[in-house]
């Protein structure tokens, strides 16, 4: 069952592409309630955002981003602590300004199994759920570009961790992974050790990494840099297939991710890809 809801846009947080309030309002979201999974054994909501002019350009097909913690992406009424990423607004503003190509965004709501799904414990099953159940449904229902070169994953915290794993495990499906404040310290930095121990050639993917300077993220900045450095040692190149951003003043919060989410969108879908060094401070390349 799907439902549509009109959404009034509002910009509460400063962004690189700072737009006036109520920019491009009346964007609609489609909710596919209780989407079932035989692989995981329980259901969840899928929230689909379609780009402007989707309903008018009938012959056009679009890249797709699969984004975790879907209830936090678009609506403060369902988001953690009442603060959403405003991901639809960020995308609409960048599309309007012709900074990125239009894309479809699929928000995958989290469940009580989030901790297991977003880590190695059940991550492989979560990957199978997206690849074998969600993606075929999206490709059938919407005018998507199904190829790997047009398919991204995006998440924050543990959602950033599983985004990395999804692209690394399945580069034949996902060519881009957006990892905002990825929890690289999880399980004694298992993801970093995984990259360092991997003997096969690195997959042909693009990875976006970031973190803030405040709280635990600032105190553990070395962990985030360790992941960046491990990827560079594996052959990733800053500005080409790797982006890293250090958000001065940012904490581990939805508000911080709302502030920064335009960056992976530009890196992945920018008409001129975001160029960044391996260290960026306050929006300026160091």
Protein backbone atom coordinates (compact mmCIF):
# COMPACT_ATOMS: atom_id res chain seq x y z
CA UNK A 1 0.00 0.00 0.00
CA UNK A 2 1.33 3.42 -0.91
CA UNK A 3 0.23 6.87 0.20
CA UNK A 4 1.25 10.33 -0.92
CA UNK A 5 1.68 13.32 1.34
CA UNK A 6 2.44 16.92 0.54
CA UNK A 7 5.37 18.38 2.41
CA UNK A 8 6.04 22.02 3.20
CA UNK A 9 9.72 22.78 2.92
CA UNK A 10 11.58 24.81 5.50
CA UNK A 11 15.27 25.46 5.93
CA UNK A 12 16.22 25.58 9.59
CA UNK A 13 19.93 24.85 9.30
CA UNK A 14 22.68 26.69 7.45
CA UNK A 15 23.83 24.96 4.28
CA UNK A 16 26.41 25.50 1.62
CA UNK A 17 23.55 26.12 -0.81
CA UNK A 18 21.62 28.32 1.64
CA UNK A 19 18.14 28.95 0.21
CA UNK A 20 15.33 31.22 1.41
CA UNK A 21 12.56 29.68 3.57
CA UNK A 22 9.80 27.70 1.84
CA UNK A 23 11.94 27.19 -1.23
CA UNK A 24 10.30 24.83 -3.72
CA UNK A 25 7.45 23.88 -1.40
CA UNK A 26 4.73 21.31 -2.09
CA UNK A 27 7.19 18.49 -2.69
CA UNK A 28 5.49 15.12 -2.33
CA UNK A 29 6.65 11.91 -0.71
CA UNK A 30 5.25 8.48 -1.40
CA UNK A 31 5.01 6.09 1.54
CA UNK A 32 5.01 2.36 0.90
CA UNK A 33 3.76 1.20 4.28
CA UNK A 34 4.82 -2.09 5.83
CA UNK A 35 6.94 -3.22 2.92
CA UNK A 36 7.46 -6.94 3.60
CA UNK A 37 10.68 -8.91 3.63
CA UNK A 38 10.88 -12.68 3.47
CA UNK A 39 14.65 -12.38 3.93
CA UNK A 40 14.52 -10.47 7.23
CA UNK A 41 11.13 -11.74 8.35
CA UNK A 42 9.53 -8.37 9.20
CA UNK A 43 8.37 -5.26 7.40
CA UNK A 44 9.21 -1.56 7.36
CA UNK A 45 8.10 1.60 5.60
CA UNK A 46 9.77 2.82 2.42
CA UNK A 47 9.62 6.57 1.79
CA UNK A 48 10.25 7.61 -1.81
CA UNK A 49 11.08 11.16 -2.90
CA UNK A 50 10.75 11.97 -6.58
CA UNK A 51 12.65 14.91 -8.10
CA UNK A 52 10.93 17.99 -9.52
CA UNK A 53 9.43 17.43 -12.97
CA UNK A 54 9.41 13.64 -12.53
CA UNK A 55 5.73 13.58 -13.44
CA UNK A 56 6.25 15.86 -16.46
CA UNK A 57 9.33 14.29 -18.06
CA UNK A 58 7.78 10.91 -18.79
CA UNK A 59 10.68 9.58 -20.84
CA UNK A 60 13.40 10.40 -18.35
CA UNK A 61 15.00 7.89 -15.98
CA UNK A 62 16.85 8.75 -12.78
CA UNK A 63 19.68 7.58 -10.53
CA UNK A 64 18.66 6.27 -7.11
CA UNK A 65 19.98 6.79 -3.60
CA UNK A 66 19.04 4.21 -0.98
CA UNK A 67 19.22 5.99 2.37
CA UNK A 68 19.04 4.38 5.80
CA UNK A 69 17.13 5.60 8.88
CA UNK A 70 14.43 6.70 6.47
CA UNK A 71 12.15 8.25 9.09
CA UNK A 72 14.88 10.79 9.90
CA UNK A 73 15.39 12.07 6.35
CA UNK A 74 12.33 14.08 5.38
CA UNK A 75 9.89 14.72 8.22
CA UNK A 76 10.49 16.19 11.70
CA UNK A 77 7.30 14.48 12.91
CA UNK A 78 8.97 11.08 12.56
CA UNK A 79 12.63 12.04 12.94
CA UNK A 80 14.75 11.42 16.02
CA UNK A 81 14.33 14.30 18.50
CA UNK A 82 12.06 16.05 15.99
CA UNK A 83 14.92 17.06 13.68
CA UNK A 84 15.10 15.70 10.13
CA UNK A 85 17.86 15.91 7.52
CA UNK A 86 15.69 17.93 5.10
CA UNK A 87 17.22 15.69 2.45
CA UNK A 88 14.44 16.37 -0.04
CA UNK A 89 14.96 20.12 0.28
CA UNK A 90 18.73 19.84 -0.09
CA UNK A 91 18.31 17.76 -3.24
CA UNK A 92 15.63 20.05 -4.68
CA UNK A 93 17.76 23.16 -4.11
CA UNK A 94 20.81 21.61 -5.79
CA UNK A 95 18.71 20.40 -8.72
CA UNK A 96 17.12 23.84 -9.09
CA UNK A 97 20.56 25.46 -9.13
CA UNK A 98 21.74 22.90 -11.72
CA UNK A 99 24.52 21.71 -9.42
CA UNK A 100 23.46 18.07 -9.53
CA UNK A 101 21.52 15.73 -11.77
CA UNK A 102 18.01 14.87 -10.51
CA UNK A 103 17.70 11.60 -8.64
CA UNK A 104 15.19 9.45 -6.78
CA UNK A 105 15.71 9.02 -3.03
CA UNK A 106 14.46 5.89 -1.27
CA UNK A 107 14.36 6.17 2.51
CA UNK A 108 14.47 2.79 4.25
CA UNK A 109 12.94 3.16 7.69
CA UNK A 110 14.91 1.56 10.48
CA UNK A 111 13.46 -1.12 12.76
CA UNK A 112 14.12 -2.66 16.15
CA UNK A 113 16.76 -4.69 14.32
CA UNK A 114 18.75 -1.57 13.37
CA UNK A 115 21.83 -2.41 15.44
CA UNK A 116 22.18 -5.84 13.85
CA UNK A 117 21.18 -4.79 10.33
CA UNK A 118 23.64 -1.90 10.18
CA UNK A 119 26.61 -3.96 11.40
CA UNK A 120 28.29 -7.14 10.26
CA UNK A 121 26.04 -9.27 12.51
CA UNK A 122 23.07 -9.09 10.11
CA UNK A 123 24.44 -6.71 7.53
CA UNK A 124 24.65 -9.35 4.82
CA UNK A 125 20.96 -10.15 5.22
CA UNK A 126 20.10 -6.44 5.18
CA UNK A 127 22.12 -6.15 1.97
CA UNK A 128 20.17 -9.03 0.46
CA UNK A 129 16.91 -7.36 1.51
CA UNK A 130 17.83 -4.18 -0.38
CA UNK A 131 19.29 -5.92 -3.43
CA UNK A 132 16.76 -8.73 -3.86
CA UNK A 133 13.55 -7.17 -2.52
CA UNK A 134 13.67 -3.36 -2.36
CA UNK A 135 15.66 -2.53 -5.48
CA UNK A 136 13.61 -4.73 -7.86
CA UNK A 137 10.45 -3.11 -6.48
CA UNK A 138 11.83 0.40 -6.98
CA UNK A 139 13.12 -0.38 -10.48
CA UNK A 140 9.71 -1.79 -11.44
CA UNK A 141 7.61 0.94 -9.82
CA UNK A 142 9.63 4.04 -10.72
CA UNK A 143 11.60 5.24 -13.74
CA UNK A 144 15.01 4.44 -12.28
CA UNK A 145 18.38 3.91 -13.89
CA UNK A 146 19.10 0.45 -12.45
CA UNK A 147 22.79 0.16 -13.28
CA UNK A 148 25.48 0.25 -10.61
CA UNK A 149 26.89 3.51 -11.93
CA UNK A 150 23.58 5.18 -11.06
CA UNK A 151 23.00 3.61 -7.64
CA UNK A 152 24.18 4.99 -4.28
CA UNK A 153 23.74 4.24 -0.59
CA UNK A 154 23.73 6.89 2.12
CA UNK A 155 23.59 6.93 5.89
CA UNK A 156 24.89 8.39 9.12
CA UNK A 157 26.49 6.83 12.18
CA UNK A 158 25.84 3.08 11.89
CA UNK A 159 23.98 3.92 8.68
CA UNK A 160 27.29 5.26 7.37
CA UNK A 161 29.02 2.06 8.42
CA UNK A 162 26.59 -0.18 6.59
CA UNK A 163 26.67 2.11 3.55
CA UNK A 164 30.40 1.48 3.29
CA UNK A 165 29.95 -2.28 3.64
CA UNK A 166 27.13 -2.39 1.07
CA UNK A 167 29.23 -0.72 -1.61
CA UNK A 168 32.37 -2.70 -0.75
CA UNK A 169 30.56 -6.03 -0.62
CA UNK A 170 28.42 -5.35 -3.69
CA UNK A 171 30.16 -2.99 -6.12
CA UNK A 172 28.20 -4.69 -8.89
CA UNK A 173 25.07 -3.03 -7.43
CA UNK A 174 26.27 0.13 -5.66
CA UNK A 175 28.98 2.42 -6.99
CA UNK A 176 28.70 5.17 -4.35
CA UNK A 177 28.62 5.16 -0.54
CA UNK A 178 27.88 8.25 1.54
CA UNK A 179 29.12 7.77 5.10
CA UNK A 180 28.26 10.72 7.34
CA UNK A 181 29.84 10.30 10.78
CA UNK A 182 30.39 6.61 10.08
CA UNK A 183 30.82 4.54 13.24
CA UNK A 184 34.28 3.29 12.31
CA UNK A 185 35.14 2.50 15.93
CA UNK A 186 32.46 -0.21 16.03
CA UNK A 187 33.74 -3.66 17.03
CA UNK A 188 37.27 -2.44 17.65
CA UNK A 189 37.42 -0.60 14.33
CA UNK A 190 36.52 -3.75 12.37
CA UNK A 191 35.79 -1.83 9.16
CA UNK A 192 39.20 -0.17 9.19
CA UNK A 193 40.90 -3.50 9.90
CA UNK A 194 38.85 -5.03 7.08
CA UNK A 195 40.15 -2.43 4.60
CA UNK A 196 43.72 -2.84 5.77
CA UNK A 197 43.60 -6.64 5.62
CA UNK A 198 41.83 -6.90 2.25
CA UNK A 199 44.12 -8.44 -0.36
CA UNK A 200 41.84 -8.18 -3.39
CA UNK A 201 41.88 -5.02 -5.53
CA UNK A 202 39.77 -2.23 -4.09
CA UNK A 203 36.31 -2.06 -5.68
CA UNK A 204 35.51 0.59 -8.26
CA UNK A 205 33.37 2.79 -6.01
CA UNK A 206 33.23 6.37 -4.73
CA UNK A 207 33.20 6.96 -0.96
CA UNK A 208 32.24 10.12 0.91
CA UNK A 209 33.39 10.40 4.55
CA UNK A 210 32.84 13.15 7.09
CA UNK A 211 32.60 13.90 10.80
CA UNK A 212 32.34 16.82 13.17
CA UNK A 213 34.75 18.46 15.60
CA UNK A 214 32.59 18.37 18.74
CA UNK A 215 31.83 15.72 21.36
CA UNK A 216 32.75 12.12 20.69
CA UNK A 217 33.40 12.82 17.02
CA UNK A 218 36.03 15.42 17.85
CA UNK A 219 37.54 13.30 20.59
CA UNK A 220 37.82 10.35 18.23
CA UNK A 221 38.82 12.29 15.13
CA UNK A 222 41.81 9.98 14.74
CA UNK A 223 39.44 7.08 14.04
CA UNK A 224 37.75 8.91 11.16
CA UNK A 225 41.12 9.91 9.76
CA UNK A 226 42.34 6.34 10.12
CA UNK A 227 39.53 5.17 7.84
CA UNK A 228 40.35 7.90 5.35
CA UNK A 229 44.05 7.02 5.42
CA UNK A 230 43.38 3.28 5.08
CA UNK A 231 41.36 3.94 1.94
CA UNK A 232 44.09 6.16 0.51
CA UNK A 233 46.63 3.41 1.11
CA UNK A 234 44.32 1.08 -0.84
CA UNK A 235 44.50 3.43 -3.81
CA UNK A 236 41.58 5.78 -3.28
CA UNK A 237 42.28 9.34 -4.41
CA UNK A 238 40.89 12.48 -2.80
CA UNK A 239 38.59 14.37 -5.12
CA UNK A 240 38.37 11.45 -7.54
CA UNK A 241 36.80 8.50 -5.76
CA UNK A 242 37.17 9.69 -2.16
CA UNK A 243 35.90 12.80 -0.38
CA UNK A 244 36.54 13.68 3.26
CA UNK A 245 35.03 16.59 5.16
CA UNK A 246 35.70 17.84 8.69
CA UNK A 247 32.78 19.85 10.03
CA UNK A 248 34.03 22.42 12.50
CA UNK A 249 31.43 22.98 15.21
CA UNK A 250 29.40 19.90 14.22
CA UNK A 251 28.21 17.27 16.67
CA UNK A 252 26.87 13.75 16.15
CA UNK A 253 23.32 14.83 15.35
CA UNK A 254 20.60 15.02 12.73
CA UNK A 255 21.08 18.79 12.61
CA UNK A 256 24.75 18.36 11.66
CA UNK A 257 23.89 15.82 8.95
CA UNK A 258 21.22 18.17 7.58
CA UNK A 259 23.91 20.83 7.37
CA UNK A 260 26.34 18.59 5.47
CA UNK A 261 24.17 16.30 3.35
CA UNK A 262 24.49 18.44 0.23
CA UNK A 263 28.17 17.48 0.03
CA UNK A 264 27.76 13.77 -0.82
CA UNK A 265 24.96 14.66 -3.24
CA UNK A 266 27.36 16.94 -5.13
CA UNK A 267 30.21 14.46 -4.96
CA UNK A 268 28.10 11.66 -6.42
CA UNK A 269 25.75 13.48 -8.78
CA UNK A 270 27.37 16.87 -9.33
CA UNK A 271 27.67 18.12 -12.87
CA UNK A 272 31.15 19.06 -11.76
CA UNK A 273 32.09 16.61 -8.99
CA UNK A 274 32.98 18.07 -5.62
CA UNK A 275 36.74 18.43 -5.42
CA UNK A 276 38.20 18.09 -1.95
CA UNK A 277 41.53 17.45 -0.33
CA UNK A 278 41.92 14.82 2.35
CA UNK A 279 41.38 17.55 4.95
CA UNK A 280 38.67 20.19 4.72
CA UNK A 281 37.85 22.67 7.46
CA UNK A 282 34.85 24.96 7.73
CA UNK A 283 33.97 24.40 4.10
CA UNK A 284 37.40 25.46 2.86
CA UNK A 285 39.92 23.13 1.32
CA UNK A 286 43.09 23.02 3.37
